[in-house]
Amino acid sequence: MYLLLRLKILRLELKPGQRIRMDEFCRRLQVSRTPVREALLLLAHENLIDLVPQKYTTVSLLCPSRFPDEIFLLESLVCDAVWSIKAKQNDIDVLKQDLRAQQTDLGNKDYFQFVMDYKTFFSYIFHVIGKEYIWEDGQRHCGHILRLMYANLQRKPMAQEAYQNNLQILQQIELENKIKALAVARKFLHGDLVDSSWLQNVNSDFFC
């Protein structure tokens, strides 16, 4: 339940500011109130929802003031993983397979699925270095910037750029040129991927 609600929030299926009605979720998902309540408490701890007992529960607004710290954390995690990875050929093959999935998503204009395959690419890198738990835990502190990133990734130009970025990172990992791989990752994490101007123009009410 927690993972399902968290994914819906990150992908903006549950929009910032949207009221969450527990009874409606329980009825739709055919579950009791207890797992939904527990999931909401966890999401409130991650600042993904605003929970006022006995009053209301809403998806938290995006707070640009949180973006710099969350970008710093994501950059630290990604760059550490890219620097640490010593990929064997089977690992390279798995990452290439994920890139082919991303390419298929682009061809199908399935940007929701692209976001999932984009996440899988980095999750596997952390799996290779044996630190997937750190990646998962770190993302729990980055809910605001992740929502912005995933919103941007659901636009065709940004998704295509993200695919090319991952392709370049993998190429440099395969060549064991970690300095170049780091440069590619850093540039992308400070570019249009984390630019909030488009979303603010389209949905200014998403922001605090």
C-alpha atoms as a PDB file:
ATOM      1  CA  MET A   1       0.000   0.000   0.000  1.00  0.00           C
ATOM      2  CA  TYR A   2       2.814   2.380   0.929  1.00  0.00           C
ATOM      3  CA  LEU A   3       4.702   1.708  -2.294  1.00  0.00           C
ATOM      4  CA  LEU A   4       1.559   2.077  -4.393  1.00  0.00           C
ATOM      5  CA  LEU A   5       0.593   5.431  -2.884  1.00  0.00           C
ATOM      6  CA  ARG A   6       4.179   6.673  -2.991  1.00  0.00           C
ATOM      7  CA  LEU A   7       4.465   5.837  -6.679  1.00  0.00           C
ATOM      8  CA  LYS A   8       1.187   7.599  -7.452  1.00  0.00           C
ATOM      9  CA  ILE A   9       2.439  10.709  -5.639  1.00  0.00           C
ATOM     10  CA  LEU A  10       5.864  10.683  -7.294  1.00  0.00           C
ATOM     11  CA  ARG A  11       4.332  10.310 -10.759  1.00  0.00           C
ATOM     12  CA  LEU A  12       1.808  13.079  -9.958  1.00  0.00           C
ATOM     13  CA  GLU A  13      -1.119  10.729 -10.420  1.00  0.00           C
ATOM     14  CA  LEU A  14      -1.988  12.063  -6.986  1.00  0.00           C
ATOM     15  CA  LYS A  15      -1.370  15.749  -7.532  1.00  0.00           C
ATOM     16  CA  PRO A  16       0.166  18.246  -5.097  1.00  0.00           C
ATOM     17  CA  GLY A  17      -2.581  19.719  -2.973  1.00  0.00           C
ATOM     18  CA  GLN A  18      -5.038  16.911  -3.770  1.00  0.00           C
ATOM     19  CA  ARG A  19      -7.199  15.727  -0.872  1.00  0.00           C
ATOM     20  CA  ILE A  20      -6.756  12.068   0.022  1.00  0.00           C
ATOM     21  CA  ARG A  21      -9.966  10.470   1.242  1.00  0.00           C
ATOM     22  CA  MET A  22      -9.145   7.304   3.134  1.00  0.00           C
ATOM     23  CA  ASP A  23     -12.585   5.716   2.758  1.00  0.00           C
ATOM     24  CA  GLU A  24     -12.446   6.194  -0.997  1.00  0.00           C
ATOM     25  CA  PHE A  25      -9.016   4.549  -1.232  1.00  0.00           C
ATOM     26  CA  CYS A  26     -10.081   1.658   0.958  1.00  0.00           C
ATOM     27  CA  ARG A  27     -13.144   1.055  -1.172  1.00  0.00           C
ATOM     28  CA  ARG A  28     -11.298   1.353  -4.462  1.00  0.00           C
ATOM     29  CA  LEU A  29      -8.429  -0.916  -3.409  1.00  0.00           C
ATOM     30  CA  GLN A  30     -10.605  -3.216  -1.314  1.00  0.00           C
ATOM     31  CA  VAL A  31      -8.446  -2.991   1.785  1.00  0.00           C
ATOM     32  CA  SER A  32      -9.070  -2.076   5.403  1.00  0.00           C
ATOM     33  CA  ARG A  33      -8.257   1.321   6.862  1.00  0.00           C
ATOM     34  CA  THR A  34      -5.233   0.054   8.806  1.00  0.00           C
ATOM     35  CA  PRO A  35      -2.754  -0.460   5.914  1.00  0.00           C
ATOM     36  CA  VAL A  36      -3.837   2.822   4.316  1.00  0.00           C
ATOM     37  CA  ARG A  37      -3.393   4.677   7.618  1.00  0.00           C
ATOM     38  CA  GLU A  38       0.055   3.135   8.123  1.00  0.00           C
ATOM     39  CA  ALA A  39       1.079   4.074   4.576  1.00  0.00           C
ATOM     40  CA  LEU A  40      -0.066   7.658   5.087  1.00  0.00           C
ATOM     41  CA  LEU A  41       1.978   7.959   8.278  1.00  0.00           C
ATOM     42  CA  LEU A  42       5.101   6.813   6.426  1.00  0.00           C
ATOM     43  CA  LEU A  43       4.427   9.229   3.573  1.00  0.00           C
ATOM     44  CA  ALA A  44       3.900  12.065   6.030  1.00  0.00           C
ATOM     45  CA  HIS A  45       7.315  11.256   7.521  1.00  0.00           C
ATOM     46  CA  GLU A  46       8.765  11.693   4.014  1.00  0.00           C
ATOM     47  CA  ASN A  47       6.972  15.048   3.609  1.00  0.00           C
ATOM     48  CA  LEU A  48       4.989  13.692   0.675  1.00  0.00           C
ATOM     49  CA  ILE A  49       1.663  14.315   2.359  1.00  0.00           C
ATOM     50  CA  ASP A  50       0.300  16.764   4.932  1.00  0.00           C
ATOM     51  CA  LEU A  51      -1.579  14.843   7.576  1.00  0.00           C
ATOM     52  CA  VAL A  52      -3.755  16.601  10.147  1.00  0.00           C
ATOM     53  CA  PRO A  53      -5.505  13.951  12.285  1.00  0.00           C
ATOM     54  CA  GLN A  54      -9.290  14.177  12.360  1.00  0.00           C
ATOM     55  CA  LYS A  55      -9.219  16.997   9.800  1.00  0.00           C
ATOM     56  CA  TYR A  56      -7.643  16.344   6.416  1.00  0.00           C
ATOM     57  CA  THR A  57      -4.905  14.597   4.461  1.00  0.00           C
ATOM     58  CA  THR A  58      -3.509  16.147   1.295  1.00  0.00           C
ATOM     59  CA  VAL A  59      -0.586  15.516  -1.008  1.00  0.00           C
ATOM     60  CA  SER A  60       2.079  18.036  -0.053  1.00  0.00           C
ATOM     61  CA  LEU A  61       2.821  20.924  -2.364  1.00  0.00           C
ATOM     62  CA  LEU A  62       6.185  21.077  -4.110  1.00  0.00           C
ATOM     63  CA  CYS A  63       8.528  23.339  -2.157  1.00  0.00           C
ATOM     64  CA  PRO A  64      11.315  24.847  -4.302  1.00  0.00           C
ATOM     65  CA  SER A  65      13.244  25.699  -1.122  1.00  0.00           C
ATOM     66  CA  ARG A  66      13.814  21.954  -0.673  1.00  0.00           C
ATOM     67  CA  PHE A  67      15.156  21.403  -4.184  1.00  0.00           C
ATOM     68  CA  PRO A  68      18.837  22.376  -3.650  1.00  0.00           C
ATOM     69  CA  ASP A  69      19.367  20.057  -0.676  1.00  0.00           C
ATOM     70  CA  GLU A  70      17.578  17.177  -2.386  1.00  0.00           C
ATOM     71  CA  ILE A  71      19.574  17.681  -5.606  1.00  0.00           C
ATOM     72  CA  PHE A  72      22.763  17.637  -3.517  1.00  0.00           C
ATOM     73  CA  LEU A  73      21.755  14.331  -1.938  1.00  0.00           C
ATOM     74  CA  LEU A  74      20.790  12.714  -5.257  1.00  0.00           C
ATOM     75  CA  GLU A  75      23.971  13.934  -6.921  1.00  0.00           C
ATOM     76  CA  SER A  76      26.093  12.562  -4.073  1.00  0.00           C
ATOM     77  CA  LEU A  77      24.418   9.166  -4.295  1.00  0.00           C
ATOM     78  CA  VAL A  78      24.529   8.875  -8.094  1.00  0.00           C
ATOM     79  CA  CYS A  79      28.117  10.087  -8.398  1.00  0.00           C
ATOM     80  CA  ASP A  80      29.301   7.755  -5.651  1.00  0.00           C
ATOM     81  CA  ALA A  81      27.640   4.816  -7.411  1.00  0.00           C
ATOM     82  CA  VAL A  82      29.039   5.727 -10.833  1.00  0.00           C
ATOM     83  CA  TRP A  83      32.511   6.098  -9.333  1.00  0.00           C
ATOM     84  CA  SER A  84      32.294   2.830  -7.382  1.00  0.00           C
ATOM     85  CA  ILE A  85      30.859   0.530 -10.025  1.00  0.00           C
ATOM     86  CA  LYS A  86      33.062  -2.169 -11.494  1.00  0.00           C
ATOM     87  CA  ALA A  87      30.639  -3.602 -13.996  1.00  0.00           C
ATOM     88  CA  LYS A  88      31.117  -7.061 -15.436  1.00  0.00           C
ATOM     89  CA  GLN A  89      29.867  -7.888 -18.915  1.00  0.00           C
ATOM     90  CA  ASN A  90      26.624  -9.374 -17.620  1.00  0.00           C
ATOM     91  CA  ASP A  91      25.974  -6.137 -15.696  1.00  0.00           C
ATOM     92  CA  ILE A  92      26.619  -4.121 -18.842  1.00  0.00           C
ATOM     93  CA  ASP A  93      24.186  -6.381 -20.705  1.00  0.00           C
ATOM     94  CA  VAL A  94      21.458  -5.813 -18.086  1.00  0.00           C
ATOM     95  CA  LEU A  95      21.910  -2.045 -18.289  1.00  0.00           C
ATOM     96  CA  LYS A  96      21.824  -2.173 -22.083  1.00  0.00           C
ATOM     97  CA  GLN A  97      18.609  -4.152 -21.889  1.00  0.00           C
ATOM     98  CA  ASP A  98      17.109  -1.454 -19.696  1.00  0.00           C
ATOM     99  CA  LEU A  99      18.189   1.196 -22.203  1.00  0.00           C
ATOM    100  CA  ARG A 100      16.438  -0.754 -24.947  1.00  0.00           C
ATOM    101  CA  ALA A 101      13.322  -0.731 -22.777  1.00  0.00           C
ATOM    102  CA  GLN A 102      13.653   3.054 -22.414  1.00  0.00           C
ATOM    103  CA  GLN A 103      13.992   3.371 -26.173  1.00  0.00           C
ATOM    104  CA  THR A 104      10.850   1.261 -26.657  1.00  0.00           C
ATOM    105  CA  ASP A 105       8.986   3.459 -24.190  1.00  0.00           C
ATOM    106  CA  LEU A 106       9.986   6.535 -26.179  1.00  0.00           C
ATOM    107  CA  GLY A 107       8.823   4.932 -29.408  1.00  0.00           C
ATOM    108  CA  ASN A 108       5.495   4.072 -27.790  1.00  0.00           C
ATOM    109  CA  LYS A 109       5.233   7.523 -26.194  1.00  0.00           C
ATOM    110  CA  ASP A 110       4.705   5.722 -22.897  1.00  0.00           C
ATOM    111  CA  TYR A 111       6.363   8.251 -20.611  1.00  0.00           C
ATOM    112  CA  PHE A 112       4.953   6.760 -17.401  1.00  0.00           C
ATOM    113  CA  GLN A 113       6.719   3.501 -18.200  1.00  0.00           C
ATOM    114  CA  PHE A 114       9.815   5.440 -19.248  1.00  0.00           C
ATOM    115  CA  VAL A 115      10.025   6.888 -15.751  1.00  0.00           C
ATOM    116  CA  MET A 116       9.910   3.367 -14.310  1.00  0.00           C
ATOM    117  CA  ASP A 117      12.645   2.080 -16.627  1.00  0.00           C
ATOM    118  CA  TYR A 118      14.698   5.218 -15.976  1.00  0.00           C
ATOM    119  CA  LYS A 119      14.523   4.440 -12.245  1.00  0.00           C
ATOM    120  CA  THR A 120      15.446   0.807 -12.888  1.00  0.00           C
ATOM    121  CA  PHE A 121      18.641   1.855 -14.683  1.00  0.00           C
ATOM    122  CA  PHE A 122      20.016   3.569 -11.592  1.00  0.00           C
ATOM    123  CA  SER A 123      18.585   1.009  -9.186  1.00  0.00           C
ATOM    124  CA  TYR A 124      20.587  -1.676 -10.975  1.00  0.00           C
ATOM    125  CA  ILE A 125      23.792   0.352 -10.725  1.00  0.00           C
ATOM    126  CA  PHE A 126      23.283   0.519  -6.963  1.00  0.00           C
ATOM    127  CA  HIS A 127      22.518  -3.197  -6.961  1.00  0.00           C
ATOM    128  CA  VAL A 128      25.854  -3.911  -8.643  1.00  0.00           C
ATOM    129  CA  ILE A 129      27.782  -2.027  -5.951  1.00  0.00           C
ATOM    130  CA  GLY A 130      25.707  -3.649  -3.207  1.00  0.00           C
ATOM    131  CA  LYS A 131      24.120  -0.425  -1.975  1.00  0.00           C
ATOM    132  CA  GLU A 132      20.551  -0.608  -3.240  1.00  0.00           C
ATOM    133  CA  TYR A 133      19.259  -0.054   0.283  1.00  0.00           C
ATOM    134  CA  ILE A 134      21.108   3.275   0.423  1.00  0.00           C
ATOM    135  CA  TRP A 135      19.561   4.300  -2.895  1.00  0.00           C
ATOM    136  CA  GLU A 136      16.071   3.437  -1.702  1.00  0.00           C
ATOM    137  CA  ASP A 137      16.571   5.177   1.626  1.00  0.00           C
ATOM    138  CA  GLY A 138      18.106   8.247   0.015  1.00  0.00           C
ATOM    139  CA  GLN A 139      15.164   8.683  -2.331  1.00  0.00           C
ATOM    140  CA  ARG A 140      12.825   8.865   0.663  1.00  0.00           C
ATOM    141  CA  HIS A 141      14.434  12.205   1.497  1.00  0.00           C
ATOM    142  CA  CYS A 142      14.047  13.569  -2.038  1.00  0.00           C
ATOM    143  CA  GLY A 143      10.316  13.436  -2.667  1.00  0.00           C
ATOM    144  CA  HIS A 144       9.981  17.036  -3.780  1.00  0.00           C
ATOM    145  CA  ILE A 145      12.717  17.068  -6.426  1.00  0.00           C
ATOM    146  CA  LEU A 146      11.818  13.537  -7.576  1.00  0.00           C
ATOM    147  CA  ARG A 147       8.256  14.652  -8.321  1.00  0.00           C
ATOM    148  CA  LEU A 148       9.606  17.538 -10.382  1.00  0.00           C
ATOM    149  CA  MET A 149      12.042  15.256 -12.200  1.00  0.00           C
ATOM    150  CA  TYR A 150       9.379  12.679 -13.018  1.00  0.00           C
ATOM    151  CA  ALA A 151       7.022  15.401 -14.243  1.00  0.00           C
ATOM    152  CA  ASN A 152       9.754  16.680 -16.571  1.00  0.00           C
ATOM    153  CA  LEU A 153      10.573  13.148 -17.734  1.00  0.00           C
ATOM    154  CA  GLN A 154       6.996  12.716 -18.946  1.00  0.00           C
ATOM    155  CA  ARG A 155       7.677  15.264 -21.679  1.00  0.00           C
ATOM    156  CA  LYS A 156       9.130  13.894 -24.905  1.00  0.00           C
ATOM    157  CA  PRO A 157      12.187  16.213 -25.253  1.00  0.00           C
ATOM    158  CA  MET A 158      13.244  15.656 -21.642  1.00  0.00           C
ATOM    159  CA  ALA A 159      12.737  11.896 -21.832  1.00  0.00           C
ATOM    160  CA  GLN A 160      14.850  11.716 -24.992  1.00  0.00           C
ATOM    161  CA  GLU A 161      17.590  13.738 -23.305  1.00  0.00           C
ATOM    162  CA  ALA A 162      17.443  11.450 -20.264  1.00  0.00           C
ATOM    163  CA  TYR A 163      17.822   8.389 -22.467  1.00  0.00           C
ATOM    164  CA  GLN A 164      20.864   9.891 -24.190  1.00  0.00           C
ATOM    165  CA  ASN A 165      22.322  10.792 -20.810  1.00  0.00           C
ATOM    166  CA  ASN A 166      21.979   7.229 -19.528  1.00  0.00           C
ATOM    167  CA  LEU A 167      23.446   5.918 -22.770  1.00  0.00           C
ATOM    168  CA  GLN A 168      26.500   8.164 -22.358  1.00  0.00           C
ATOM    169  CA  ILE A 169      26.920   7.154 -18.712  1.00  0.00           C
ATOM    170  CA  LEU A 170      26.871   3.469 -19.669  1.00  0.00           C
ATOM    171  CA  GLN A 171      29.315   4.026 -22.521  1.00  0.00           C
ATOM    172  CA  GLN A 172      31.783   5.691 -20.158  1.00  0.00           C
ATOM    173  CA  ILE A 173      31.312   2.977 -17.519  1.00  0.00           C
ATOM    174  CA  GLU A 174      32.034   0.367 -20.184  1.00  0.00           C
ATOM    175  CA  LEU A 175      35.165   2.291 -21.192  1.00  0.00           C
ATOM    176  CA  GLU A 176      36.091   2.591 -17.497  1.00  0.00           C
ATOM    177  CA  ASN A 177      36.237   6.362 -17.923  1.00  0.00           C
ATOM    178  CA  LYS A 178      34.652   7.236 -14.595  1.00  0.00           C
ATOM    179  CA  ILE A 179      35.628  10.913 -14.673  1.00  0.00           C
ATOM    180  CA  LYS A 180      33.687  11.370 -17.904  1.00  0.00           C
ATOM    181  CA  ALA A 181      30.760   9.353 -16.547  1.00  0.00           C
ATOM    182  CA  LEU A 182      30.661  11.609 -13.482  1.00  0.00           C
ATOM    183  CA  ALA A 183      30.718  14.725 -15.629  1.00  0.00           C
ATOM    184  CA  VAL A 184      27.782  13.482 -17.702  1.00  0.00           C
ATOM    185  CA  ALA A 185      25.734  12.615 -14.610  1.00  0.00           C
ATOM    186  CA  ARG A 186      26.462  15.921 -12.858  1.00  0.00           C
ATOM    187  CA  LYS A 187      25.598  18.012 -15.897  1.00  0.00           C
ATOM    188  CA  PHE A 188      22.253  16.302 -16.304  1.00  0.00           C
ATOM    189  CA  LEU A 189      21.338  16.613 -12.620  1.00  0.00           C
ATOM    190  CA  HIS A 190      21.855  20.362 -12.821  1.00  0.00           C
ATOM    191  CA  GLY A 191      20.130  20.924 -16.171  1.00  0.00           C
ATOM    192  CA  ASP A 192      16.589  20.962 -17.482  1.00  0.00           C
ATOM    193  CA  LEU A 193      15.721  17.823 -15.519  1.00  0.00           C
ATOM    194  CA  VAL A 194      15.436  19.899 -12.338  1.00  0.00           C
ATOM    195  CA  ASP A 195      14.111  23.092 -13.944  1.00  0.00           C
ATOM    196  CA  SER A 196      10.722  23.904 -12.428  1.00  0.00           C
ATOM    197  CA  SER A 197       9.765  26.762 -14.777  1.00  0.00           C
ATOM    198  CA  TRP A 198       7.704  24.591 -17.169  1.00  0.00           C
ATOM    199  CA  LEU A 199       5.673  22.955 -14.420  1.00  0.00           C
ATOM    200  CA  GLN A 200       5.187  26.245 -12.599  1.00  0.00           C
ATOM    201  CA  ASN A 201       3.842  27.817 -15.787  1.00  0.00           C
ATOM    202  CA  VAL A 202       1.425  24.951 -16.366  1.00  0.00           C
ATOM    203  CA  ASN A 203       0.455  24.171 -12.756  1.00  0.00           C
ATOM    204  CA  SER A 204       1.447  26.997 -10.445  1.00  0.00           C
ATOM    205  CA  ASP A 205      -0.952  25.650  -7.807  1.00  0.00           C
ATOM    206  CA  PHE A 206       1.338  22.622  -7.388  1.00  0.00           C
ATOM    207  CA  PHE A 207       3.900  24.812  -5.591  1.00  0.00           C
ATOM    208  CA  CYS A 208       4.043  26.302  -2.121  1.00  0.00           C
END
